[in-house]
Amino acid sequence: MILIDEDVSIYIYNNRVDFRKNIDGLSGLVDEEMQLDPYSRAVFIFLNRRRDKVKLLYWDKSGFLMIYKRLEEEKFIMSRKNVDKVLTITRAQFEWFFNGYDIWKMKGHRELNFSVAA
């Protein structure tokens, strides 16, 4: 289980990544391709072409942290409908994603807004 603070944004790079890239290459992708600040309070998620490997990049105020995970039999599920290069997900979706759920199909209850209680 990876714990992420509530004020940390989570982004998925919705494109294949050459997994020979390490911290410098991935932080360059964040800056140039995702057009985000790699030094911000954010976790950046990258997938390989076969979607059986994932790398996370995070700046922790004194250096970069990179986490690498390789699935032995399954694949991470990515949205084929979404054409955006950068996807923003919630902490709950982050946990679901790492547990193998299709976060693009999962929907919670719709939000209700009432102005009067009777």
PDB file of N, CA and C in Angstrom:
ATOM      1  N   MET A   1       0.847  -1.176   0.000  1.00  0.00           N
ATOM      2  CA  MET A   1       0.000   0.000   0.000  1.00  0.00           C
ATOM      3  C   MET A   1       0.888   1.233   0.000  1.00  0.00           C
ATOM      4  N   ILE A   2       0.579   2.163  -0.868  1.00  0.00           N
ATOM      5  CA  ILE A   2       1.309   3.416  -0.967  1.00  0.00           C
ATOM      6  C   ILE A   2       0.419   4.508  -0.386  1.00  0.00           C
ATOM      7  N   LEU A   3       0.927   5.229   0.603  1.00  0.00           N
ATOM      8  CA  LEU A   3       0.137   6.289   1.229  1.00  0.00           C
ATOM      9  C   LEU A   3       0.469   7.627   0.581  1.00  0.00           C
ATOM     10  N   ILE A   4      -0.566   8.362   0.238  1.00  0.00           N
ATOM     11  CA  ILE A   4      -0.406   9.662  -0.400  1.00  0.00           C
ATOM     12  C   ILE A   4      -1.193  10.684   0.412  1.00  0.00           C
ATOM     13  N   ASP A   5      -0.547  11.792   0.744  1.00  0.00           N
ATOM     14  CA  ASP A   5      -1.220  12.860   1.488  1.00  0.00           C
ATOM     15  C   ASP A   5      -2.381  13.429   0.683  1.00  0.00           C
ATOM     16  N   GLU A   6      -3.344  14.016   1.383  1.00  0.00           N
ATOM     17  CA  GLU A   6      -4.540  14.541   0.728  1.00  0.00           C
ATOM     18  C   GLU A   6      -4.256  15.708  -0.210  1.00  0.00           C
ATOM     19  N   ASP A   7      -3.199  16.468   0.054  1.00  0.00           N
ATOM     20  CA  ASP A   7      -2.918  17.642  -0.776  1.00  0.00           C
ATOM     21  C   ASP A   7      -2.030  17.320  -1.977  1.00  0.00           C
ATOM     22  N   VAL A   8      -1.765  16.045  -2.218  1.00  0.00           N
ATOM     23  CA  VAL A   8      -0.922  15.632  -3.337  1.00  0.00           C
ATOM     24  C   VAL A   8      -1.810  15.289  -4.536  1.00  0.00           C
ATOM     25  N   SER A   9      -1.503  15.878  -5.683  1.00  0.00           N
ATOM     26  CA  SER A   9      -2.224  15.564  -6.921  1.00  0.00           C
ATOM     27  C   SER A   9      -1.658  14.282  -7.524  1.00  0.00           C
ATOM     28  N   ILE A  10      -2.481  13.561  -8.278  1.00  0.00           N
ATOM     29  CA  ILE A  10      -2.049  12.306  -8.901  1.00  0.00           C
ATOM     30  C   ILE A  10      -2.370  12.377 -10.385  1.00  0.00           C
ATOM     31  N   TYR A  11      -1.342  12.192 -11.202  1.00  0.00           N
ATOM     32  CA  TYR A  11      -1.481  12.272 -12.655  1.00  0.00           C
ATOM     33  C   TYR A  11      -0.998  10.987 -13.308  1.00  0.00           C
ATOM     34  N   ILE A  12      -1.718  10.565 -14.334  1.00  0.00           N
ATOM     35  CA  ILE A  12      -1.278   9.438 -15.160  1.00  0.00           C
ATOM     36  C   ILE A  12      -0.917   9.983 -16.528  1.00  0.00           C
ATOM     37  N   TYR A  13       0.272   9.619 -17.006  1.00  0.00           N
ATOM     38  CA  TYR A  13       0.679   9.957 -18.362  1.00  0.00           C
ATOM     39  C   TYR A  13       0.040   8.925 -19.276  1.00  0.00           C
ATOM     40  N   ASN A  14      -0.914   9.351 -20.096  1.00  0.00           N
ATOM     41  CA  ASN A  14      -1.723   8.443 -20.914  1.00  0.00           C
ATOM     42  C   ASN A  14      -1.047   8.190 -22.261  1.00  0.00           C
ATOM     43  N   ASN A  15       0.162   7.677 -22.196  1.00  0.00           N
ATOM     44  CA  ASN A  15       0.916   7.332 -23.386  1.00  0.00           C
ATOM     45  C   ASN A  15       1.973   6.305 -22.964  1.00  0.00           C
ATOM     46  N   ARG A  16       2.441   5.539 -23.892  1.00  0.00           N
ATOM     47  CA  ARG A  16       3.472   4.546 -23.579  1.00  0.00           C
ATOM     48  C   ARG A  16       4.779   5.241 -23.221  1.00  0.00           C
ATOM     49  N   VAL A  17       5.513   4.611 -22.297  1.00  0.00           N
ATOM     50  CA  VAL A  17       6.791   5.165 -21.875  1.00  0.00           C
ATOM     51  C   VAL A  17       7.864   4.089 -22.037  1.00  0.00           C
ATOM     52  N   ASP A  18       8.992   4.499 -22.563  1.00  0.00           N
ATOM     53  CA  ASP A  18      10.156   3.626 -22.645  1.00  0.00           C
ATOM     54  C   ASP A  18      10.680   3.447 -21.221  1.00  0.00           C
ATOM     55  N   PHE A  19      10.625   2.228 -20.708  1.00  0.00           N
ATOM     56  CA  PHE A  19      10.978   2.002 -19.311  1.00  0.00           C
ATOM     57  C   PHE A  19      12.476   1.965 -19.049  1.00  0.00           C
ATOM     58  N   ARG A  20      13.265   2.285 -20.059  1.00  0.00           N
ATOM     59  CA  ARG A  20      14.685   2.509 -19.794  1.00  0.00           C
ATOM     60  C   ARG A  20      14.891   3.884 -19.178  1.00  0.00           C
ATOM     61  N   LYS A  21      13.856   4.735 -19.249  1.00  0.00           N
ATOM     62  CA  LYS A  21      13.937   6.064 -18.635  1.00  0.00           C
ATOM     63  C   LYS A  21      13.938   5.923 -17.120  1.00  0.00           C
ATOM     64  N   ASN A  22      14.809   6.680 -16.490  1.00  0.00           N
ATOM     65  CA  ASN A  22      14.839   6.734 -15.038  1.00  0.00           C
ATOM     66  C   ASN A  22      14.373   8.103 -14.576  1.00  0.00           C
ATOM     67  N   ILE A  23      14.804   8.534 -13.418  1.00  0.00           N
ATOM     68  CA  ILE A  23      14.300   9.768 -12.820  1.00  0.00           C
ATOM     69  C   ILE A  23      14.471  10.968 -13.739  1.00  0.00           C
ATOM     70  N   ASP A  24      15.640  11.161 -14.311  1.00  0.00           N
ATOM     71  CA  ASP A  24      15.869  12.329 -15.165  1.00  0.00           C
ATOM     72  C   ASP A  24      14.970  12.302 -16.399  1.00  0.00           C
ATOM     73  N   GLY A  25      14.856  11.155 -17.043  1.00  0.00           N
ATOM     74  CA  GLY A  25      14.011  11.041 -18.229  1.00  0.00           C
ATOM     75  C   GLY A  25      12.545  11.233 -17.920  1.00  0.00           C
ATOM     76  N   LEU A  26      12.077  10.663 -16.806  1.00  0.00           N
ATOM     77  CA  LEU A  26      10.667  10.806 -16.434  1.00  0.00           C
ATOM     78  C   LEU A  26      10.341  12.231 -15.994  1.00  0.00           C
ATOM     79  N   SER A  27      11.252  12.859 -15.246  1.00  0.00           N
ATOM     80  CA  SER A  27      10.992  14.247 -14.839  1.00  0.00           C
ATOM     81  C   SER A  27      10.990  15.157 -16.067  1.00  0.00           C
ATOM     82  N   GLY A  28      11.785  14.841 -17.071  1.00  0.00           N
ATOM     83  CA  GLY A  28      11.750  15.576 -18.327  1.00  0.00           C
ATOM     84  C   GLY A  28      10.425  15.400 -19.042  1.00  0.00           C
ATOM     85  N   LEU A  29       9.868  14.185 -19.007  1.00  0.00           N
ATOM     86  CA  LEU A  29       8.546  13.932 -19.591  1.00  0.00           C
ATOM     87  C   LEU A  29       7.464  14.749 -18.889  1.00  0.00           C
ATOM     88  N   VAL A  30       7.557  14.811 -17.566  1.00  0.00           N
ATOM     89  CA  VAL A  30       6.582  15.597 -16.801  1.00  0.00           C
ATOM     90  C   VAL A  30       6.630  17.050 -17.248  1.00  0.00           C
ATOM     91  N   ASP A  31       7.834  17.581 -17.366  1.00  0.00           N
ATOM     92  CA  ASP A  31       8.011  18.988 -17.733  1.00  0.00           C
ATOM     93  C   ASP A  31       7.616  19.257 -19.189  1.00  0.00           C
ATOM     94  N   GLU A  32       8.126  18.479 -20.113  1.00  0.00           N
ATOM     95  CA  GLU A  32       7.956  18.762 -21.536  1.00  0.00           C
ATOM     96  C   GLU A  32       6.647  18.223 -22.127  1.00  0.00           C
ATOM     97  N   GLU A  33       6.324  16.985 -21.852  1.00  0.00           N
ATOM     98  CA  GLU A  33       5.134  16.362 -22.453  1.00  0.00           C
ATOM     99  C   GLU A  33       3.858  16.626 -21.659  1.00  0.00           C
ATOM    100  N   MET A  34       3.946  16.495 -20.345  1.00  0.00           N
ATOM    101  CA  MET A  34       2.759  16.687 -19.514  1.00  0.00           C
ATOM    102  C   MET A  34       2.535  18.165 -19.197  1.00  0.00           C
ATOM    103  N   GLN A  35       3.566  18.974 -19.395  1.00  0.00           N
ATOM    104  CA  GLN A  35       3.552  20.401 -19.102  1.00  0.00           C
ATOM    105  C   GLN A  35       3.138  20.681 -17.663  1.00  0.00           C
ATOM    106  N   LEU A  36       3.738  19.901 -16.757  1.00  0.00           N
ATOM    107  CA  LEU A  36       3.525  20.067 -15.325  1.00  0.00           C
ATOM    108  C   LEU A  36       4.883  20.238 -14.652  1.00  0.00           C
ATOM    109  N   ASP A  37       4.858  20.691 -13.416  1.00  0.00           N
ATOM    110  CA  ASP A  37       6.092  20.908 -12.666  1.00  0.00           C
ATOM    111  C   ASP A  37       6.475  19.619 -11.936  1.00  0.00           C
ATOM    112  N   PRO A  38       7.606  18.990 -12.284  1.00  0.00           N
ATOM    113  CA  PRO A  38       7.996  17.749 -11.613  1.00  0.00           C
ATOM    114  C   PRO A  38       8.321  17.947 -10.133  1.00  0.00           C
ATOM    115  N   TYR A  39       8.545  19.198  -9.711  1.00  0.00           N
ATOM    116  CA  TYR A  39       8.867  19.500  -8.315  1.00  0.00           C
ATOM    117  C   TYR A  39       7.636  19.871  -7.492  1.00  0.00           C
ATOM    118  N   SER A  40       6.458  19.730  -8.065  1.00  0.00           N
ATOM    119  CA  SER A  40       5.221  20.050  -7.349  1.00  0.00           C
ATOM    120  C   SER A  40       4.830  18.899  -6.429  1.00  0.00           C
ATOM    121  N   ARG A  41       3.823  19.150  -5.591  1.00  0.00           N
ATOM    122  CA  ARG A  41       3.307  18.097  -4.695  1.00  0.00           C
ATOM    123  C   ARG A  41       2.392  17.195  -5.505  1.00  0.00           C
ATOM    124  N   ALA A  42       3.023  16.299  -6.279  1.00  0.00           N
ATOM    125  CA  ALA A  42       2.251  15.432  -7.162  1.00  0.00           C
ATOM    126  C   ALA A  42       2.977  14.108  -7.371  1.00  0.00           C
ATOM    127  N   VAL A  43       2.173  13.081  -7.609  1.00  0.00           N
ATOM    128  CA  VAL A  43       2.680  11.767  -8.014  1.00  0.00           C
ATOM    129  C   VAL A  43       2.374  11.629  -9.500  1.00  0.00           C
ATOM    130  N   PHE A  44       3.382  11.227 -10.258  1.00  0.00           N
ATOM    131  CA  PHE A  44       3.230  11.037 -11.692  1.00  0.00           C
ATOM    132  C   PHE A  44       3.365   9.546 -11.985  1.00  0.00           C
ATOM    133  N   ILE A  45       2.397   9.006 -12.721  1.00  0.00           N
ATOM    134  CA  ILE A  45       2.339   7.571 -13.007  1.00  0.00           C
ATOM    135  C   ILE A  45       2.622   7.340 -14.479  1.00  0.00           C
ATOM    136  N   PHE A  46       3.495   6.371 -14.761  1.00  0.00           N
ATOM    137  CA  PHE A  46       3.872   6.029 -16.124  1.00  0.00           C
ATOM    138  C   PHE A  46       3.724   4.523 -16.321  1.00  0.00           C
ATOM    139  N   LEU A  47       3.220   4.128 -17.500  1.00  0.00           N
ATOM    140  CA  LEU A  47       3.050   2.716 -17.834  1.00  0.00           C
ATOM    141  C   LEU A  47       3.887   2.358 -19.053  1.00  0.00           C
ATOM    142  N   ASN A  48       4.323   1.107 -19.092  1.00  0.00           N
ATOM    143  CA  ASN A  48       5.029   0.638 -20.286  1.00  0.00           C
ATOM    144  C   ASN A  48       4.011   0.230 -21.354  1.00  0.00           C
ATOM    145  N   ARG A  49       4.505  -0.178 -22.514  1.00  0.00           N
ATOM    146  CA  ARG A  49       3.629  -0.495 -23.643  1.00  0.00           C
ATOM    147  C   ARG A  49       2.699  -1.668 -23.340  1.00  0.00           C
ATOM    148  N   ARG A  50       3.210  -2.690 -22.673  1.00  0.00           N
ATOM    149  CA  ARG A  50       2.382  -3.870 -22.372  1.00  0.00           C
ATOM    150  C   ARG A  50       1.489  -3.685 -21.154  1.00  0.00           C
ATOM    151  N   ARG A  51       1.647  -2.558 -20.450  1.00  0.00           N
ATOM    152  CA  ARG A  51       0.862  -2.234 -19.254  1.00  0.00           C
ATOM    153  C   ARG A  51       1.025  -3.252 -18.137  1.00  0.00           C
ATOM    154  N   ASP A  52       2.164  -3.906 -18.080  1.00  0.00           N
ATOM    155  CA  ASP A  52       2.425  -4.822 -16.970  1.00  0.00           C
ATOM    156  C   ASP A  52       3.450  -4.242 -15.996  1.00  0.00           C
ATOM    157  N   LYS A  53       3.925  -3.037 -16.286  1.00  0.00           N
ATOM    158  CA  LYS A  53       4.883  -2.358 -15.420  1.00  0.00           C
ATOM    159  C   LYS A  53       4.440  -0.911 -15.234  1.00  0.00           C
ATOM    160  N   VAL A  54       4.714  -0.391 -14.049  1.00  0.00           N
ATOM    161  CA  VAL A  54       4.364   0.986 -13.732  1.00  0.00           C
ATOM    162  C   VAL A  54       5.509   1.613 -12.947  1.00  0.00           C
ATOM    163  N   LYS A  55       5.736   2.911 -13.219  1.00  0.00           N
ATOM    164  CA  LYS A  55       6.701   3.686 -12.452  1.00  0.00           C
ATOM    165  C   LYS A  55       5.986   4.914 -11.916  1.00  0.00           C
ATOM    166  N   LEU A  56       6.280   5.238 -10.657  1.00  0.00           N
ATOM    167  CA  LEU A  56       5.752   6.434 -10.013  1.00  0.00           C
ATOM    168  C   LEU A  56       6.917   7.360  -9.733  1.00  0.00           C
ATOM    169  N   LEU A  57       6.702   8.632  -9.947  1.00  0.00           N
ATOM    170  CA  LEU A  57       7.722   9.636  -9.687  1.00  0.00           C
ATOM    171  C   LEU A  57       7.140  10.670  -8.738  1.00  0.00           C
ATOM    172  N   TYR A  58       7.918  11.012  -7.706  1.00  0.00           N
ATOM    173  CA  TYR A  58       7.455  11.960  -6.688  1.00  0.00           C
ATOM    174  C   TYR A  58       8.644  12.748  -6.152  1.00  0.00           C
ATOM    175  N   TRP A  59       8.510  14.064  -6.046  1.00  0.00           N
ATOM    176  CA  TRP A  59       9.515  14.932  -5.450  1.00  0.00           C
ATOM    177  C   TRP A  59       9.171  15.102  -3.979  1.00  0.00           C
ATOM    178  N   ASP A  60      10.100  14.744  -3.078  1.00  0.00           N
ATOM    179  CA  ASP A  60       9.796  14.816  -1.643  1.00  0.00           C
ATOM    180  C   ASP A  60      10.541  15.946  -0.919  1.00  0.00           C
ATOM    181  N   LYS A  61      10.842  17.021  -1.593  1.00  0.00           N
ATOM    182  CA  LYS A  61      11.467  18.240  -1.083  1.00  0.00           C
ATOM    183  C   LYS A  61      12.989  18.152  -0.986  1.00  0.00           C
ATOM    184  N   SER A  62      13.556  16.964  -1.036  1.00  0.00           N
ATOM    185  CA  SER A  62      15.013  16.859  -0.996  1.00  0.00           C
ATOM    186  C   SER A  62      15.555  15.989  -2.128  1.00  0.00           C
ATOM    187  N   GLY A  63      14.665  15.362  -2.858  1.00  0.00           N
ATOM    188  CA  GLY A  63      15.073  14.507  -3.963  1.00  0.00           C
ATOM    189  C   GLY A  63      13.877  13.768  -4.528  1.00  0.00           C
ATOM    190  N   PHE A  64      14.103  13.114  -5.657  1.00  0.00           N
ATOM    191  CA  PHE A  64      13.037  12.355  -6.292  1.00  0.00           C
ATOM    192  C   PHE A  64      12.965  10.951  -5.716  1.00  0.00           C
ATOM    193  N   LEU A  65      11.746  10.460  -5.632  1.00  0.00           N
ATOM    194  CA  LEU A  65      11.470   9.081  -5.255  1.00  0.00           C
ATOM    195  C   LEU A  65      10.845   8.418  -6.473  1.00  0.00           C
ATOM    196  N   MET A  66      11.362   7.267  -6.869  1.00  0.00           N
ATOM    197  CA  MET A  66      10.780   6.521  -7.981  1.00  0.00           C
ATOM    198  C   MET A  66      10.420   5.126  -7.481  1.00  0.00           C
ATOM    199  N   ILE A  67       9.181   4.742  -7.723  1.00  0.00           N
ATOM    200  CA  ILE A  67       8.701   3.422  -7.336  1.00  0.00           C
ATOM    201  C   ILE A  67       8.402   2.657  -8.618  1.00  0.00           C
ATOM    202  N   TYR A  68       8.816   1.408  -8.660  1.00  0.00           N
ATOM    203  CA  TYR A  68       8.649   0.565  -9.844  1.00  0.00           C
ATOM    204  C   TYR A  68       7.893  -0.690  -9.431  1.00  0.00           C
ATOM    205  N   LYS A  69       6.867  -1.038 -10.196  1.00  0.00           N
ATOM    206  CA  LYS A  69       6.111  -2.267  -9.925  1.00  0.00           C
ATOM    207  C   LYS A  69       5.957  -3.054 -11.215  1.00  0.00           C
ATOM    208  N   ARG A  70       6.180  -4.355 -11.128  1.00  0.00           N
ATOM    209  CA  ARG A  70       5.998  -5.247 -12.272  1.00  0.00           C
ATOM    210  C   ARG A  70       4.964  -6.300 -11.896  1.00  0.00           C
ATOM    211  N   LEU A  71       3.911  -6.403 -12.696  1.00  0.00           N
ATOM    212  CA  LEU A  71       2.903  -7.438 -12.492  1.00  0.00           C
ATOM    213  C   LEU A  71       3.397  -8.730 -13.126  1.00  0.00           C
ATOM    214  N   GLU A  72       3.128  -9.829 -12.503  1.00  0.00           N
ATOM    215  CA  GLU A  72       3.595 -11.117 -13.011  1.00  0.00           C
ATOM    216  C   GLU A  72       2.660 -11.720 -14.055  1.00  0.00           C
ATOM    217  N   GLU A  73       1.350 -11.478 -13.918  1.00  0.00           N
ATOM    218  CA  GLU A  73       0.417 -12.095 -14.867  1.00  0.00           C
ATOM    219  C   GLU A  73      -0.622 -11.137 -15.432  1.00  0.00           C
ATOM    220  N   GLU A  74      -1.011 -10.142 -14.697  1.00  0.00           N
ATOM    221  CA  GLU A  74      -2.098  -9.242 -15.112  1.00  0.00           C
ATOM    222  C   GLU A  74      -1.553  -8.001 -15.803  1.00  0.00           C
ATOM    223  N   LYS A  75      -2.473  -7.092 -16.151  1.00  0.00           N
ATOM    224  CA  LYS A  75      -2.121  -5.807 -16.757  1.00  0.00           C
ATOM    225  C   LYS A  75      -2.863  -4.697 -16.029  1.00  0.00           C
ATOM    226  N   PHE A  76      -2.276  -3.510 -16.018  1.00  0.00           N
ATOM    227  CA  PHE A  76      -2.969  -2.336 -15.523  1.00  0.00           C
ATOM    228  C   PHE A  76      -3.957  -1.901 -16.595  1.00  0.00           C
ATOM    229  N   ILE A  77      -5.126  -1.462 -16.180  1.00  0.00           N
ATOM    230  CA  ILE A  77      -6.176  -1.101 -17.131  1.00  0.00           C
ATOM    231  C   ILE A  77      -6.142   0.405 -17.360  1.00  0.00           C
ATOM    232  N   MET A  78      -6.038   0.790 -18.638  1.00  0.00           N
ATOM    233  CA  MET A  78      -6.038   2.202 -19.023  1.00  0.00           C
ATOM    234  C   MET A  78      -7.232   2.486 -19.923  1.00  0.00           C
ATOM    235  N   SER A  79      -7.643   3.728 -19.911  1.00  0.00           N
ATOM    236  CA  SER A  79      -8.770   4.159 -20.734  1.00  0.00           C
ATOM    237  C   SER A  79      -8.369   4.234 -22.201  1.00  0.00           C
ATOM    238  N   ARG A  80      -9.117   3.559 -23.046  1.00  0.00           N
ATOM    239  CA  ARG A  80      -8.886   3.672 -24.482  1.00  0.00           C
ATOM    240  C   ARG A  80      -9.710   4.813 -25.070  1.00  0.00           C
ATOM    241  N   LYS A  81     -10.783   5.193 -24.394  1.00  0.00           N
ATOM    242  CA  LYS A  81     -11.654   6.261 -24.875  1.00  0.00           C
ATOM    243  C   LYS A  81     -11.007   7.628 -24.678  1.00  0.00           C
ATOM    244  N   ASN A  82     -10.294   7.771 -23.578  1.00  0.00           N
ATOM    245  CA  ASN A  82      -9.759   9.070 -23.218  1.00  0.00           C
ATOM    246  C   ASN A  82      -8.528   9.386 -24.066  1.00  0.00           C
ATOM    247  N   VAL A  83      -8.558  10.484 -24.768  1.00  0.00           N
ATOM    248  CA  VAL A  83      -7.443  10.852 -25.634  1.00  0.00           C
ATOM    249  C   VAL A  83      -6.532  11.893 -24.988  1.00  0.00           C
ATOM    250  N   ASP A  84      -6.861  12.322 -23.783  1.00  0.00           N
ATOM    251  CA  ASP A  84      -6.012  13.281 -23.088  1.00  0.00           C
ATOM    252  C   ASP A  84      -4.657  12.666 -22.778  1.00  0.00           C
ATOM    253  N   LYS A  85      -3.625  13.467 -22.907  1.00  0.00           N
ATOM    254  CA  LYS A  85      -2.275  12.995 -22.633  1.00  0.00           C
ATOM    255  C   LYS A  85      -2.030  12.861 -21.131  1.00  0.00           C
ATOM    256  N   VAL A  86      -2.714  13.696 -20.344  1.00  0.00           N
ATOM    257  CA  VAL A  86      -2.553  13.689 -18.896  1.00  0.00           C
ATOM    258  C   VAL A  86      -3.916  13.481 -18.256  1.00  0.00           C
ATOM    259  N   LEU A  87      -4.007  12.493 -17.386  1.00  0.00           N
ATOM    260  CA  LEU A  87      -5.248  12.198 -16.675  1.00  0.00           C
ATOM    261  C   LEU A  87      -5.024  12.466 -15.189  1.00  0.00           C
ATOM    262  N   THR A  88      -5.980  13.107 -14.563  1.00  0.00           N
ATOM    263  CA  THR A  88      -5.920  13.358 -13.128  1.00  0.00           C
ATOM    264  C   THR A  88      -6.851  12.368 -12.443  1.00  0.00           C
ATOM    265  N   ILE A  89      -6.337  11.716 -11.396  1.00  0.00           N
ATOM    266  CA  ILE A  89      -7.165  10.749 -10.665  1.00  0.00           C
ATOM    267  C   ILE A  89      -7.152  11.081  -9.171  1.00  0.00           C
ATOM    268  N   THR A  90      -8.126  10.526  -8.470  1.00  0.00           N
ATOM    269  CA  THR A  90      -8.247  10.729  -7.026  1.00  0.00           C
ATOM    270  C   THR A  90      -7.410   9.696  -6.281  1.00  0.00           C
ATOM    271  N   ARG A  91      -7.277   9.898  -4.985  1.00  0.00           N
ATOM    272  CA  ARG A  91      -6.555   8.919  -4.153  1.00  0.00           C
ATOM    273  C   ARG A  91      -7.260   7.566  -4.180  1.00  0.00           C
ATOM    274  N   ALA A  92      -8.599   7.576  -4.140  1.00  0.00           N
ATOM    275  CA  ALA A  92      -9.350   6.311  -4.190  1.00  0.00           C
ATOM    276  C   ALA A  92      -9.104   5.611  -5.519  1.00  0.00           C
ATOM    277  N   GLN A  93      -9.144   6.352  -6.627  1.00  0.00           N
ATOM    278  CA  GLN A  93      -8.887   5.758  -7.942  1.00  0.00           C
ATOM    279  C   GLN A  93      -7.463   5.216  -8.024  1.00  0.00           C
ATOM    280  N   PHE A  94      -6.532   5.902  -7.398  1.00  0.00           N
ATOM    281  CA  PHE A  94      -5.146   5.447  -7.347  1.00  0.00           C
ATOM    282  C   PHE A  94      -5.062   4.062  -6.712  1.00  0.00           C
ATOM    283  N   GLU A  95      -5.720   3.878  -5.575  1.00  0.00           N
ATOM    284  CA  GLU A  95      -5.728   2.576  -4.896  1.00  0.00           C
ATOM    285  C   GLU A  95      -6.419   1.524  -5.754  1.00  0.00           C
ATOM    286  N   TRP A  96      -7.552   1.869  -6.357  1.00  0.00           N
ATOM    287  CA  TRP A  96      -8.264   0.924  -7.217  1.00  0.00           C
ATOM    288  C   TRP A  96      -7.399   0.519  -8.399  1.00  0.00           C
ATOM    289  N   PHE A  97      -6.747   1.503  -9.016  1.00  0.00           N
ATOM    290  CA  PHE A  97      -5.874   1.256 -10.167  1.00  0.00           C
ATOM    291  C   PHE A  97      -4.799   0.227  -9.813  1.00  0.00           C
ATOM    292  N   PHE A  98      -4.156   0.389  -8.658  1.00  0.00           N
ATOM    293  CA  PHE A  98      -3.095  -0.521  -8.259  1.00  0.00           C
ATOM    294  C   PHE A  98      -3.623  -1.881  -7.825  1.00  0.00           C
ATOM    295  N   ASN A  99      -4.906  -1.968  -7.528  1.00  0.00           N
ATOM    296  CA  ASN A  99      -5.505  -3.255  -7.185  1.00  0.00           C
ATOM    297  C   ASN A  99      -6.151  -3.933  -8.384  1.00  0.00           C
ATOM    298  N   GLY A 100      -5.993  -3.350  -9.580  1.00  0.00           N
ATOM    299  CA  GLY A 100      -6.442  -3.998 -10.795  1.00  0.00           C
ATOM    300  C   GLY A 100      -7.834  -3.657 -11.275  1.00  0.00           C
ATOM    301  N   TYR A 101      -8.469  -2.681 -10.645  1.00  0.00           N
ATOM    302  CA  TYR A 101      -9.816  -2.310 -11.062  1.00  0.00           C
ATOM    303  C   TYR A 101      -9.774  -1.369 -12.261  1.00  0.00           C
ATOM    304  N   ASP A 102     -10.820  -1.419 -13.057  1.00  0.00           N
ATOM    305  CA  ASP A 102     -10.966  -0.508 -14.185  1.00  0.00           C
ATOM    306  C   ASP A 102     -11.589   0.777 -13.647  1.00  0.00           C
ATOM    307  N   ILE A 103     -10.751   1.734 -13.297  1.00  0.00           N
ATOM    308  CA  ILE A 103     -11.245   2.962 -12.668  1.00  0.00           C
ATOM    309  C   ILE A 103     -12.038   3.824 -13.639  1.00  0.00           C
ATOM    310  N   TRP A 104     -11.956   3.539 -14.911  1.00  0.00           N
ATOM    311  CA  TRP A 104     -12.660   4.335 -15.919  1.00  0.00           C
ATOM    312  C   TRP A 104     -14.121   3.912 -16.013  1.00  0.00           C
ATOM    313  N   LYS A 105     -14.446   2.706 -15.565  1.00  0.00           N
ATOM    314  CA  LYS A 105     -15.834   2.229 -15.599  1.00  0.00           C
ATOM    315  C   LYS A 105     -16.519   2.368 -14.250  1.00  0.00           C
ATOM    316  N   MET A 106     -15.730   2.485 -13.195  1.00  0.00           N
ATOM    317  CA  MET A 106     -16.310   2.553 -11.856  1.00  0.00           C
ATOM    318  C   MET A 106     -16.920   3.927 -11.625  1.00  0.00           C
ATOM    319  N   LYS A 107     -18.115   3.933 -11.089  1.00  0.00           N
ATOM    320  CA  LYS A 107     -18.795   5.178 -10.752  1.00  0.00           C
ATOM    321  C   LYS A 107     -19.353   5.062  -9.347  1.00  0.00           C
ATOM    322  N   GLY A 108     -19.236   6.126  -8.610  1.00  0.00           N
ATOM    323  CA  GLY A 108     -19.834   6.175  -7.285  1.00  0.00           C
ATOM    324  C   GLY A 108     -21.264   6.684  -7.381  1.00  0.00           C
ATOM    325  N   HIS A 109     -21.890   6.866  -6.248  1.00  0.00           N
ATOM    326  CA  HIS A 109     -23.230   7.444  -6.217  1.00  0.00           C
ATOM    327  C   HIS A 109     -23.155   8.884  -6.708  1.00  0.00           C
ATOM    328  N   ARG A 110     -24.210   9.335  -7.345  1.00  0.00           N
ATOM    329  CA  ARG A 110     -24.211  10.719  -7.802  1.00  0.00           C
ATOM    330  C   ARG A 110     -24.343  11.633  -6.593  1.00  0.00           C
ATOM    331  N   GLU A 111     -23.743  12.800  -6.701  1.00  0.00           N
ATOM    332  CA  GLU A 111     -23.765  13.756  -5.608  1.00  0.00           C
ATOM    333  C   GLU A 111     -25.094  14.492  -5.602  1.00  0.00           C
ATOM    334  N   LEU A 112     -25.693  14.584  -4.424  1.00  0.00           N
ATOM    335  CA  LEU A 112     -26.955  15.288  -4.274  1.00  0.00           C
ATOM    336  C   LEU A 112     -26.708  16.588  -3.531  1.00  0.00           C
ATOM    337  N   ASN A 113     -27.405  17.631  -3.945  1.00  0.00           N
ATOM    338  CA  ASN A 113     -27.283  18.932  -3.286  1.00  0.00           C
ATOM    339  C   ASN A 113     -28.666  19.437  -2.944  1.00  0.00           C
ATOM    340  N   PHE A 114     -28.968  19.466  -1.662  1.00  0.00           N
ATOM    341  CA  PHE A 114     -30.253  19.952  -1.189  1.00  0.00           C
ATOM    342  C   PHE A 114     -30.067  21.303  -0.524  1.00  0.00           C
ATOM    343  N   SER A 115     -31.090  22.127  -0.614  1.00  0.00           N
ATOM    344  CA  SER A 115     -31.011  23.436   0.042  1.00  0.00           C
ATOM    345  C   SER A 115     -31.911  23.515   1.268  1.00  0.00           C
ATOM    346  N   VAL A 116     -32.896  22.595   1.377  1.00  0.00           N
ATOM    347  CA  VAL A 116     -33.822  22.630   2.506  1.00  0.00           C
ATOM    348  C   VAL A 116     -34.006  21.199   3.035  1.00  0.00           C
ATOM    349  N   ALA A 117     -33.933  21.061   4.338  1.00  0.00           N
ATOM    350  CA  ALA A 117     -34.215  19.767   4.966  1.00  0.00           C
ATOM    351  C   ALA A 117     -35.613  19.808   5.541  1.00  0.00           C
ATOM    352  N   ALA A 118     -36.406  18.795   5.234  1.00  0.00           N
ATOM    353  CA  ALA A 118     -37.780  18.806   5.735  1.00  0.00           C
ATOM    354  C   ALA A 118     -38.110  17.504   6.400  1.00  0.00           C
TER     355      ALA A 118
END
